[in-house]
Amino acid sequence: MVKNLKRGNRVAVDPGVECAKCRYCREGRGNLCINSMFAGAAKVDGCLSRFYTHPANDCYKLPDHVSLEEGAFLELISVGIHACKRGGVGFGSVVLIQGSGSLGLVTLLVCRAFGASKVIMTDYLQSRLDKAKELGADLIVQVHPNDIAEVVNHRIISALGHHASICIDCVGTELTMSLALKVTASGGIIVLVAVGGGPTVKIPITEAVIREIDIRGARHYINSYSIALDMVASGTIDVKPLITHHYRLEEILKALNTSRTREGDAIKVFVHTNRDWVC
């Protein structure tokens, strides 16, 4: 029986559902669950429908002043929180975030909330870098897909003045992983959030050995949704500048195309399933 919610409540849905039975769930690491289902991923249906059923324990009631759009950001914010936790971001941290898409930009906001003293952002789209600067990035560096890691490394070190203590890779290509190993300071930490380069990439792993750089994966998130909601509700972070496009459910193909092509400098594209929604 559902006791924490009632009909008409506005909620944010945590799309990851763990089995609660495997060794990882029992150890409190449900994000590593071998039987987990993630709504909208792989063969699991998502929420692009008028009605959707989901476990009540994974539905978070939104305060009246938090919009549904802000609530929809909680999953992405949670990923950023988990990445920052894995990297040990805190007061005084100097962080390089590779990729200024929606995940990278949200991670920038989380880094600031965690107390990072300096954040540098990279991307190949100038419009994304401009948005990063608007949101509080200290430095921005444009990187092209065909660039050589050593060349980009020199540009970043020249701009920053020193190596980054933490690198969070929100792209996951051979270039960005190689660059992370060059830019991260000895004894620093690299957090891999994305795997855009496929299952196998060639990187100068010797850098990690001789300079004692920790490489850490970050899969989804764990115990982060409540923190994400508190951050939004308290105004600690503001995700509204990342909302760029709105579509009705009937316009789903156009919405997906906008997201794919980044038409109109799209960052976060929303599809509204409520028939009563008015822009």
Protein backbone atom coordinates (compact mmCIF):
# COMPACT_ATOMS: atom_id res chain seq x y z
CA MET A 1 0.00 0.00 0.00
CA VAL A 2 1.28 3.44 -0.95
CA LYS A 3 1.40 5.77 2.05
CA ASN A 4 3.87 8.49 1.09
CA LEU A 5 1.92 9.78 -1.92
CA LYS A 6 -1.64 10.54 -2.90
CA ARG A 7 -3.50 11.15 -6.12
CA GLY A 8 -2.63 14.49 -7.68
CA ASN A 9 0.86 14.79 -6.19
CA ARG A 10 3.52 16.04 -8.56
CA VAL A 11 6.55 13.77 -8.44
CA ALA A 12 10.01 13.27 -9.89
CA VAL A 13 10.67 9.68 -10.88
CA ASP A 14 13.98 7.95 -10.19
CA PRO A 15 14.11 5.76 -13.33
CA GLY A 16 16.55 3.21 -11.90
CA VAL A 17 14.90 0.25 -10.15
CA GLU A 18 17.17 -2.23 -8.35
CA CYS A 19 16.36 -5.84 -7.47
CA ALA A 20 17.22 -5.40 -3.74
CA LYS A 21 18.47 -9.01 -3.70
CA CYS A 22 21.90 -9.19 -5.36
CA ARG A 23 25.16 -8.72 -3.46
CA TYR A 24 25.55 -5.12 -4.63
CA CYS A 25 22.08 -4.13 -3.48
CA ARG A 26 22.72 -5.79 -0.12
CA GLU A 27 25.98 -3.85 0.18
CA GLY A 28 24.17 -0.55 -0.44
CA ARG A 29 25.56 -0.16 -3.97
CA GLY A 30 22.33 -0.51 -5.91
CA ASN A 31 23.72 1.45 -8.85
CA LEU A 32 25.81 -1.66 -9.60
CA CYS A 33 22.81 -4.00 -9.37
CA ILE A 34 23.15 -6.83 -11.90
CA ASN A 35 19.37 -7.05 -12.33
CA SER A 36 18.50 -3.35 -12.41
CA MET A 37 16.04 -1.86 -14.86
CA PHE A 38 16.42 1.72 -16.01
CA ALA A 39 13.36 3.33 -17.58
CA GLY A 40 14.05 4.50 -21.09
CA ALA A 41 17.30 2.56 -21.43
CA ALA A 42 18.05 -0.54 -23.52
CA LYS A 43 14.88 -2.66 -23.75
CA VAL A 44 12.97 -0.96 -20.91
CA ASP A 45 10.16 1.41 -21.90
CA GLY A 46 10.43 5.02 -20.83
CA CYS A 47 7.95 7.69 -19.79
CA LEU A 48 6.89 9.12 -23.15
CA SER A 49 3.23 8.29 -22.58
CA ARG A 50 0.15 9.75 -20.93
CA PHE A 51 0.29 7.23 -18.10
CA TYR A 52 3.20 5.40 -16.52
CA THR A 53 3.54 3.04 -13.54
CA HIS A 54 6.57 3.09 -11.27
CA PRO A 55 7.45 1.92 -7.71
CA ALA A 56 6.21 4.49 -5.20
CA ASN A 57 9.49 4.40 -3.27
CA ASP A 58 11.24 5.76 -6.34
CA CYS A 59 8.84 8.70 -6.73
CA TYR A 60 9.83 11.94 -5.00
CA LYS A 61 7.14 14.45 -4.15
CA LEU A 62 7.96 17.92 -5.43
CA PRO A 63 7.49 21.04 -3.27
CA ASP A 64 4.95 23.48 -4.69
CA HIS A 65 7.64 25.93 -5.80
CA VAL A 66 9.60 23.31 -7.79
CA SER A 67 8.38 22.92 -11.36
CA LEU A 68 7.93 19.61 -13.16
CA GLU A 69 10.73 20.63 -15.51
CA GLU A 70 13.07 21.14 -12.56
CA GLY A 71 11.93 17.81 -11.16
CA ALA A 72 12.85 16.12 -14.42
CA PHE A 73 16.41 17.35 -13.92
CA LEU A 74 16.88 15.38 -10.69
CA GLU A 75 18.14 12.29 -12.52
CA LEU A 76 20.82 14.29 -14.32
CA ILE A 77 21.75 16.20 -11.17
CA SER A 78 22.07 12.88 -9.34
CA VAL A 79 24.55 11.67 -11.96
CA GLY A 80 26.56 14.86 -11.42
CA ILE A 81 26.44 14.42 -7.64
CA HIS A 82 27.68 10.83 -7.89
CA ALA A 83 30.49 11.87 -10.22
CA CYS A 84 31.57 14.62 -7.82
CA LYS A 85 31.46 12.20 -4.90
CA ARG A 86 33.54 9.65 -6.81
CA GLY A 87 36.06 12.37 -7.62
CA GLY A 88 36.18 13.77 -4.10
CA VAL A 89 35.19 17.27 -5.21
CA GLY A 90 35.21 19.67 -2.28
CA PHE A 91 36.41 23.07 -1.11
CA GLY A 92 39.51 24.10 -3.02
CA SER A 93 39.19 21.51 -5.78
CA VAL A 94 40.35 22.49 -9.26
CA VAL A 95 38.13 20.55 -11.66
CA LEU A 96 38.29 19.98 -15.40
CA ILE A 97 34.96 18.90 -16.89
CA GLN A 98 35.17 17.52 -20.41
CA GLY A 99 31.98 18.02 -22.37
CA SER A 100 29.59 20.95 -21.95
CA GLY A 101 26.38 19.17 -22.85
CA SER A 102 23.53 18.92 -20.37
CA LEU A 103 25.44 16.48 -18.13
CA GLY A 104 28.63 18.52 -18.14
CA LEU A 105 26.77 21.76 -17.43
CA VAL A 106 24.81 20.22 -14.57
CA THR A 107 28.04 18.76 -13.17
CA LEU A 108 29.50 22.27 -13.29
CA LEU A 109 26.63 23.48 -11.09
CA VAL A 110 27.13 20.58 -8.68
CA CYS A 111 30.89 21.23 -8.50
CA ARG A 112 30.17 24.79 -7.47
CA ALA A 113 27.69 23.60 -4.85
CA PHE A 114 30.33 21.19 -3.51
CA GLY A 115 32.80 24.06 -3.09
CA ALA A 116 35.17 23.69 -6.04
CA SER A 117 37.40 26.76 -6.24
CA LYS A 118 37.96 26.61 -9.99
CA VAL A 119 36.19 24.80 -12.84
CA ILE A 120 37.39 24.64 -16.45
CA MET A 121 35.11 23.34 -19.21
CA THR A 122 35.85 21.93 -22.66
CA ASP A 123 33.64 21.28 -25.69
CA TYR A 124 33.78 21.57 -29.46
CA LEU A 125 30.66 23.76 -29.67
CA GLN A 126 31.27 27.40 -28.84
CA SER A 127 27.60 27.89 -27.94
CA ARG A 128 27.91 25.25 -25.21
CA LEU A 129 31.07 26.88 -23.89
CA ASP A 130 29.33 30.25 -23.80
CA LYS A 131 26.57 28.68 -21.71
CA ALA A 132 29.19 27.15 -19.40
CA LYS A 133 30.74 30.58 -18.90
CA GLU A 134 27.28 32.01 -18.20
CA LEU A 135 26.72 29.33 -15.54
CA GLY A 136 29.97 30.09 -13.74
CA ALA A 137 32.84 28.26 -15.42
CA ASP A 138 36.12 30.01 -14.69
CA LEU A 139 37.76 28.98 -17.94
CA ILE A 140 36.55 27.50 -21.23
CA VAL A 141 38.61 25.76 -23.92
CA GLN A 142 37.31 24.75 -27.33
CA VAL A 143 38.40 21.26 -28.37
CA HIS A 144 37.91 19.82 -31.85
CA PRO A 145 37.42 16.06 -32.42
CA ASN A 146 40.58 15.86 -34.57
CA ASP A 147 42.80 17.68 -32.08
CA ILE A 148 45.86 15.97 -30.62
CA ALA A 149 45.76 15.43 -26.85
CA GLU A 150 49.20 16.98 -26.28
CA VAL A 151 48.20 20.17 -28.10
CA VAL A 152 44.94 20.54 -26.16
CA ASN A 153 46.79 19.73 -22.95
CA HIS A 154 49.15 22.64 -23.58
CA ARG A 155 46.21 25.00 -24.19
CA ILE A 156 44.47 23.93 -20.98
CA ILE A 157 47.59 24.08 -18.81
CA SER A 158 48.44 27.49 -20.26
CA ALA A 159 44.96 28.79 -19.47
CA LEU A 160 44.78 27.20 -16.03
CA GLY A 161 48.37 27.80 -14.98
CA HIS A 162 48.71 24.29 -13.55
CA HIS A 163 47.20 20.81 -13.71
CA ALA A 164 43.67 20.01 -12.55
CA SER A 165 43.30 18.05 -9.34
CA ILE A 166 40.19 16.28 -10.65
CA CYS A 167 38.97 15.55 -14.18
CA ILE A 168 35.38 14.51 -14.85
CA ASP A 169 34.97 13.12 -18.37
CA CYS A 170 31.41 13.53 -19.65
CA VAL A 171 32.37 12.53 -23.21
CA GLY A 172 34.34 9.30 -22.97
CA THR A 173 36.24 9.25 -26.27
CA GLU A 174 39.85 8.30 -26.90
CA LEU A 175 40.77 11.99 -27.13
CA THR A 176 39.09 13.02 -23.88
CA MET A 177 40.42 10.04 -21.91
CA SER A 178 43.95 10.63 -23.21
CA LEU A 179 43.62 14.32 -22.43
CA ALA A 180 42.43 13.54 -18.91
CA LEU A 181 45.62 11.56 -18.26
CA LYS A 182 47.71 14.51 -19.46
CA VAL A 183 45.87 17.33 -17.70
CA THR A 184 45.22 15.70 -14.32
CA ALA A 185 47.84 16.43 -11.68
CA SER A 186 50.01 13.69 -10.23
CA GLY A 187 48.06 12.02 -7.44
CA GLY A 188 44.82 13.35 -8.91
CA ILE A 189 41.58 11.63 -9.84
CA ILE A 190 39.85 10.99 -13.17
CA VAL A 191 36.15 10.15 -13.13
CA LEU A 192 34.74 8.51 -16.26
CA VAL A 193 31.02 9.23 -16.53
CA ALA A 194 30.43 8.64 -20.25
CA VAL A 195 31.53 5.95 -22.70
CA GLY A 196 31.15 7.76 -26.00
CA GLY A 197 34.20 6.07 -27.50
CA GLY A 198 32.73 2.58 -27.44
CA PRO A 199 33.78 -0.51 -25.47
CA THR A 200 37.51 -0.19 -26.32
CA VAL A 201 39.74 2.89 -26.48
CA LYS A 202 43.50 3.35 -26.70
CA ILE A 203 44.91 5.59 -23.95
CA PRO A 204 48.38 6.31 -22.46
CA ILE A 205 47.68 4.33 -19.29
CA THR A 206 51.34 4.56 -18.22
CA GLU A 207 50.60 8.13 -17.15
CA ALA A 208 48.27 6.78 -14.48
CA VAL A 209 50.96 4.41 -13.19
CA ILE A 210 53.98 6.68 -12.99
CA ARG A 211 52.00 9.67 -11.68
CA GLU A 212 49.62 7.74 -9.41
CA ILE A 213 46.46 9.00 -11.05
CA ASP A 214 43.29 7.22 -9.92
CA ILE A 215 40.83 6.35 -12.69
CA ARG A 216 37.31 5.80 -11.36
CA GLY A 217 34.12 4.84 -13.10
CA ALA A 218 30.81 6.44 -12.16
CA ARG A 219 27.71 4.38 -12.97
CA HIS A 220 24.39 6.16 -12.58
CA TYR A 221 24.13 7.28 -8.92
CA ILE A 222 23.30 6.05 -5.44
CA ASN A 223 21.60 7.87 -2.55
CA SER A 224 21.62 11.10 -4.56
CA TYR A 225 18.00 11.88 -5.49
CA SER A 226 17.07 13.46 -2.16
CA ILE A 227 20.24 15.57 -2.27
CA ALA A 228 19.42 16.67 -5.81
CA LEU A 229 15.89 17.65 -4.80
CA ASP A 230 17.21 19.62 -1.81
CA MET A 231 19.68 21.46 -4.05
CA VAL A 232 16.94 22.52 -6.44
CA ALA A 233 14.33 23.30 -3.77
CA SER A 234 16.76 25.43 -1.76
CA GLY A 235 17.98 27.34 -4.80
CA THR A 236 21.51 26.04 -4.34
CA ILE A 237 21.56 25.26 -8.04
CA ASP A 238 19.40 26.69 -10.80
CA VAL A 239 18.79 24.46 -13.82
CA LYS A 240 16.22 26.68 -15.51
CA PRO A 241 18.82 28.26 -17.88
CA LEU A 242 19.37 24.78 -19.34
CA ILE A 243 15.75 24.40 -20.46
CA THR A 244 15.73 25.35 -24.14
CA HIS A 245 12.84 23.59 -25.90
CA HIS A 246 9.30 22.38 -25.18
CA TYR A 247 7.16 19.99 -27.25
CA ARG A 248 3.85 18.22 -26.88
CA LEU A 249 3.73 14.42 -26.94
CA GLU A 250 2.29 14.59 -30.44
CA GLU A 251 5.49 16.35 -31.53
CA ILE A 252 7.79 13.63 -30.21
CA LEU A 253 9.64 13.01 -33.49
CA LYS A 254 10.41 16.71 -33.84
CA ALA A 255 11.56 16.81 -30.22
CA LEU A 256 13.92 13.87 -30.69
CA ASN A 257 15.33 15.40 -33.85
CA THR A 258 15.92 18.71 -32.09
CA SER A 259 17.79 16.92 -29.33
CA ARG A 260 19.83 14.88 -31.81
CA THR A 261 20.79 17.76 -34.11
CA ARG A 262 21.02 20.40 -31.34
CA GLU A 263 18.88 22.68 -33.47
CA GLY A 264 18.50 26.13 -31.96
CA ASP A 265 21.37 25.48 -29.53
CA ALA A 266 19.27 22.83 -27.81
CA ILE A 267 20.47 21.71 -24.41
CA LYS A 268 17.55 20.17 -22.54
CA VAL A 269 14.49 19.33 -24.63
CA PHE A 270 11.22 18.62 -22.82
CA VAL A 271 8.29 16.56 -24.05
CA HIS A 272 5.06 17.31 -22.19
CA THR A 273 2.66 14.38 -21.95
CA ASN A 274 -0.11 16.31 -20.20
CA ARG A 275 -2.86 17.28 -22.64
CA ASP A 276 -3.50 20.45 -20.62
CA TRP A 277 0.07 21.70 -20.93
CA VAL A 278 0.35 25.26 -22.21
CA CYS A 279 3.69 26.81 -23.14
